[in-house]
C-alpha cells in the first residue's frame, strides 16, 4: 500500500479504509532495551505465547521484528521446542511471500527470533477496518498466499494456521505469510509435538 491507499495499481474505494490508520500496536509496558545486536524500539504485538517488537539491528541499521517467547510459555519444554523448530524451519525458507528469519537468540534464559519487519497491516485488521475487499485486490492477495503455500508444501511443510491475522500486507503491495508456530515440517516432525 502506498500513502494514498493504493495496493499495486488499485485504489481502495473508501478514504476511511486507509490501511495505515488500521495498524494496531500493543501497549509498550515494560520492555527490553536490547536483544543481541538489536536495539528495541517498541512493542508491536502480543499474543498468548509471544510478544513481537520492532527493533533496529545496529551494525546494519536494518529495521527488524523480534518475536520473543513469553516467560510463562518458556517454562513448558514442548513450547520451547516448537519455538526453536519454528525458527529453524523458517530460516530454511527463502520466498518473497514468506517472512524471512535472520537470527535466533537464547539470551538471559529467554528465546528470540529475529526476522524481517514488514511495514504495513495484517489482513485481519484491514478487513476489520474496510470490510469486503474489491475482487481484484482479494485475488492478488490470495494468489500471493497460494504461491507461499505452494513453496512450503513442496518442501513438506504444512502451515496449519492460515488466517487473515497471519497474512501481512506491506506498504509496497507485497504479501507475506507469517507465524509458522504450529506448522508441520517433516524434517523436524510435528511442530506441535515435543
Protein backbone atom coordinates (compact mmCIF):
# COMPACT_ATOMS: atom_id res chain seq x y z
CA UNK A 1 0.00 0.00 0.00
CA UNK A 2 1.23 3.46 -0.76
CA UNK A 3 0.31 6.51 1.37
CA UNK A 4 -2.75 7.19 -0.81
CA UNK A 5 -4.23 3.73 -0.11
CA UNK A 6 -3.22 2.07 -3.40
CA UNK A 7 -2.45 -1.65 -3.48
CA UNK A 8 -0.46 -2.22 -6.67
CA UNK A 9 -2.40 -0.15 -9.20
CA UNK A 10 -5.73 -0.48 -7.34
CA UNK A 11 -7.20 2.14 -5.01
CA UNK A 12 -9.44 1.21 -2.09
CA UNK A 13 -12.96 2.55 -2.54
CA UNK A 14 -13.29 4.47 0.72
CA UNK A 15 -10.88 7.12 2.03
CA UNK A 16 -11.71 5.87 5.56
CA UNK A 17 -10.27 2.49 4.56
CA UNK A 18 -6.68 3.69 4.58
CA UNK A 19 -4.52 0.73 5.72
CA UNK A 20 -2.08 2.76 7.85
CA UNK A 21 -4.84 4.01 10.11
CA UNK A 22 -5.81 0.42 10.89
CA UNK A 23 -2.40 -0.62 12.27
CA UNK A 24 -2.82 -1.69 15.86
CA UNK A 25 0.04 -1.52 18.41
CA UNK A 26 0.12 -3.17 21.78
CA UNK A 27 0.83 -1.04 24.82
CA UNK A 28 4.53 -0.54 25.44
CA UNK A 29 4.58 -1.56 29.08
CA UNK A 30 7.95 -2.78 30.36
CA UNK A 31 10.32 -3.56 27.51
CA UNK A 32 13.75 -4.92 26.97
CA UNK A 33 16.28 -2.41 25.65
CA UNK A 34 18.50 -4.78 23.61
CA UNK A 35 18.46 -8.30 22.23
CA UNK A 36 21.78 -9.35 20.75
CA UNK A 37 22.92 -6.58 18.41
CA UNK A 38 19.36 -5.19 18.15
CA UNK A 39 18.03 -2.09 19.89
CA UNK A 40 14.33 -2.43 20.78
CA UNK A 41 12.19 0.45 19.52
CA UNK A 42 8.66 -0.59 20.52
CA UNK A 43 6.31 -3.48 21.14
CA UNK A 44 4.07 -4.01 18.12
CA UNK A 45 2.02 -7.07 19.03
CA UNK A 46 1.36 -9.53 21.82
CA UNK A 47 -0.28 -12.94 21.70
CA UNK A 48 -0.79 -15.86 24.03
CA UNK A 49 2.76 -17.18 23.78
CA UNK A 50 4.90 -14.40 22.29
CA UNK A 51 5.50 -10.67 22.07
CA UNK A 52 6.72 -9.00 18.88
CA UNK A 53 8.98 -5.96 18.97
CA UNK A 54 10.16 -3.58 16.26
CA UNK A 55 13.93 -3.15 16.61
CA UNK A 56 16.98 -1.87 14.78
CA UNK A 57 19.78 -4.33 14.03
CA UNK A 58 22.56 -1.90 14.81
CA UNK A 59 25.62 -2.64 12.78
CA UNK A 60 23.44 -2.81 9.66
CA UNK A 61 20.91 -0.12 10.56
CA UNK A 62 18.18 -2.55 9.46
CA UNK A 63 14.68 -2.50 10.97
CA UNK A 64 13.69 -5.98 12.15
CA UNK A 65 10.91 -7.68 14.05
CA UNK A 66 11.80 -9.74 17.10
CA UNK A 67 9.43 -12.44 18.28
CA UNK A 68 10.09 -13.12 21.99
CA UNK A 69 8.69 -16.18 23.71
CA UNK A 70 6.86 -15.08 26.86
CA UNK A 71 8.38 -16.32 30.11
CA UNK A 72 5.09 -18.02 31.03
CA UNK A 73 5.31 -20.10 27.84
CA UNK A 74 9.07 -20.66 28.10
CA UNK A 75 8.58 -22.80 31.20
CA UNK A 76 6.96 -25.53 29.09
CA UNK A 77 9.54 -27.68 27.29
CA UNK A 78 7.27 -28.57 24.35
CA UNK A 79 6.59 -24.85 23.70
CA UNK A 80 10.33 -24.08 23.72
CA UNK A 81 10.96 -26.96 21.30
CA UNK A 82 8.21 -25.73 18.99
CA UNK A 83 9.59 -22.16 19.07
CA UNK A 84 13.11 -23.37 18.19
CA UNK A 85 11.72 -25.55 15.38
CA UNK A 86 9.72 -22.61 14.02
CA UNK A 87 12.94 -20.56 13.79
CA UNK A 88 14.90 -23.37 12.14
CA UNK A 89 12.12 -24.21 9.71
CA UNK A 90 11.54 -20.58 8.68
CA UNK A 91 15.28 -19.96 8.31
CA UNK A 92 15.40 -22.54 5.51
CA UNK A 93 12.65 -20.78 3.53
CA UNK A 94 13.60 -18.07 1.04
CA UNK A 95 10.46 -16.86 -0.74
CA UNK A 96 9.18 -13.36 -1.42
CA UNK A 97 5.81 -14.17 0.20
CA UNK A 98 7.17 -15.64 3.44
CA UNK A 99 8.63 -13.70 6.38
CA UNK A 100 12.42 -14.14 6.42
CA UNK A 101 14.24 -15.19 9.58
CA UNK A 102 17.61 -13.54 10.16
CA UNK A 103 18.70 -14.94 13.52
CA UNK A 104 17.78 -16.86 16.66
CA UNK A 105 18.92 -15.84 20.17
CA UNK A 106 18.94 -17.52 23.52
CA UNK A 107 19.66 -14.75 26.00
CA UNK A 108 19.08 -14.34 29.75
CA UNK A 109 17.02 -17.54 29.73
CA UNK A 110 14.70 -16.21 27.00
CA UNK A 111 14.24 -17.13 23.33
CA UNK A 112 14.04 -14.67 20.42
CA UNK A 113 13.55 -14.98 16.66
CA UNK A 114 14.92 -12.01 14.70
CA UNK A 115 13.04 -11.65 11.43
CA UNK A 116 12.05 -9.36 8.61
CA UNK A 117 9.96 -6.38 9.65
CA UNK A 118 7.02 -5.69 7.34
CA UNK A 119 5.75 -2.15 7.49
CA UNK A 120 2.06 -2.45 6.78
CA UNK A 121 -1.04 -4.14 8.16
CA UNK A 122 -2.25 -7.69 8.62
CA UNK A 123 -5.22 -8.81 6.56
CA UNK A 124 -7.40 -9.24 9.66
CA UNK A 125 -7.02 -5.58 10.67
CA UNK A 126 -7.57 -4.45 7.08
CA UNK A 127 -10.80 -6.45 6.82
CA UNK A 128 -11.97 -5.14 10.20
CA UNK A 129 -11.40 -1.59 9.03
CA UNK A 130 -12.57 -1.91 5.41
CA UNK A 131 -14.95 -4.82 5.24
CA UNK A 132 -15.01 -6.69 1.97
CA UNK A 133 -12.08 -6.11 -0.40
CA UNK A 134 -12.56 -5.47 -4.12
CA UNK A 135 -12.46 -8.79 -6.01
CA UNK A 136 -9.29 -7.98 -7.91
CA UNK A 137 -7.42 -6.99 -4.73
CA UNK A 138 -8.63 -10.15 -2.95
CA UNK A 139 -7.46 -12.22 -5.94
CA UNK A 140 -3.98 -10.62 -5.84
CA UNK A 141 -3.65 -11.33 -2.11
CA UNK A 142 -4.96 -14.89 -2.49
CA UNK A 143 -2.54 -15.60 -5.36
CA UNK A 144 0.46 -14.46 -3.32
CA UNK A 145 -0.63 -16.52 -0.30
CA UNK A 146 -1.11 -19.52 -2.61
CA UNK A 147 2.42 -19.03 -4.01
CA UNK A 148 3.83 -19.09 -0.46
CA UNK A 149 1.86 -22.21 0.43
CA UNK A 150 2.90 -23.96 -2.80
CA UNK A 151 6.54 -23.20 -1.93
CA UNK A 152 6.31 -24.61 1.61
CA UNK A 153 4.20 -27.61 0.60
CA UNK A 154 6.82 -28.57 -1.97
CA UNK A 155 9.28 -28.61 0.95
CA UNK A 156 6.95 -30.85 3.01
CA UNK A 157 5.83 -28.08 5.38
CA UNK A 158 2.16 -27.51 6.19
CA UNK A 159 1.41 -24.12 7.80
CA UNK A 160 -1.83 -25.23 9.56
CA UNK A 161 -2.76 -21.73 10.72
CA UNK A 162 -3.56 -19.72 7.58
CA UNK A 163 -5.90 -16.94 8.62
CA UNK A 164 -6.13 -13.20 7.95
CA UNK A 165 -4.11 -12.32 11.09
CA UNK A 166 -1.15 -14.35 9.71
CA UNK A 167 -1.05 -12.56 6.35
CA UNK A 168 0.83 -9.23 6.29
CA UNK A 169 0.31 -6.66 3.55
CA UNK A 170 3.24 -4.31 3.08
CA UNK A 171 3.03 -0.67 2.07
CA UNK A 172 4.71 -1.64 -1.21
CA UNK A 173 1.89 -4.07 -2.06
CA UNK A 174 3.70 -7.26 -1.06
CA UNK A 175 2.01 -10.11 0.80
CA UNK A 176 3.86 -12.11 3.47
CA UNK A 177 2.72 -15.27 5.25
CA UNK A 178 3.93 -15.37 8.86
CA UNK A 179 3.61 -17.35 12.11
CA UNK A 180 4.69 -20.90 11.40
CA UNK A 181 4.39 -21.77 15.11
CA UNK A 182 2.09 -24.77 14.63
CA UNK A 183 3.38 -25.81 11.21
CA UNK A 184 4.17 -29.42 10.43
CA UNK A 185 7.64 -29.87 8.93
CA UNK A 186 8.55 -33.48 8.13
CA UNK A 187 12.25 -32.76 8.62
CA UNK A 188 11.54 -31.97 12.32
CA UNK A 189 8.38 -33.94 12.92
CA UNK A 190 5.21 -32.21 14.07
CA UNK A 191 5.98 -28.75 15.48
CA UNK A 192 3.01 -29.08 17.83
CA UNK A 193 4.63 -32.10 19.46
CA UNK A 194 7.78 -32.00 21.56
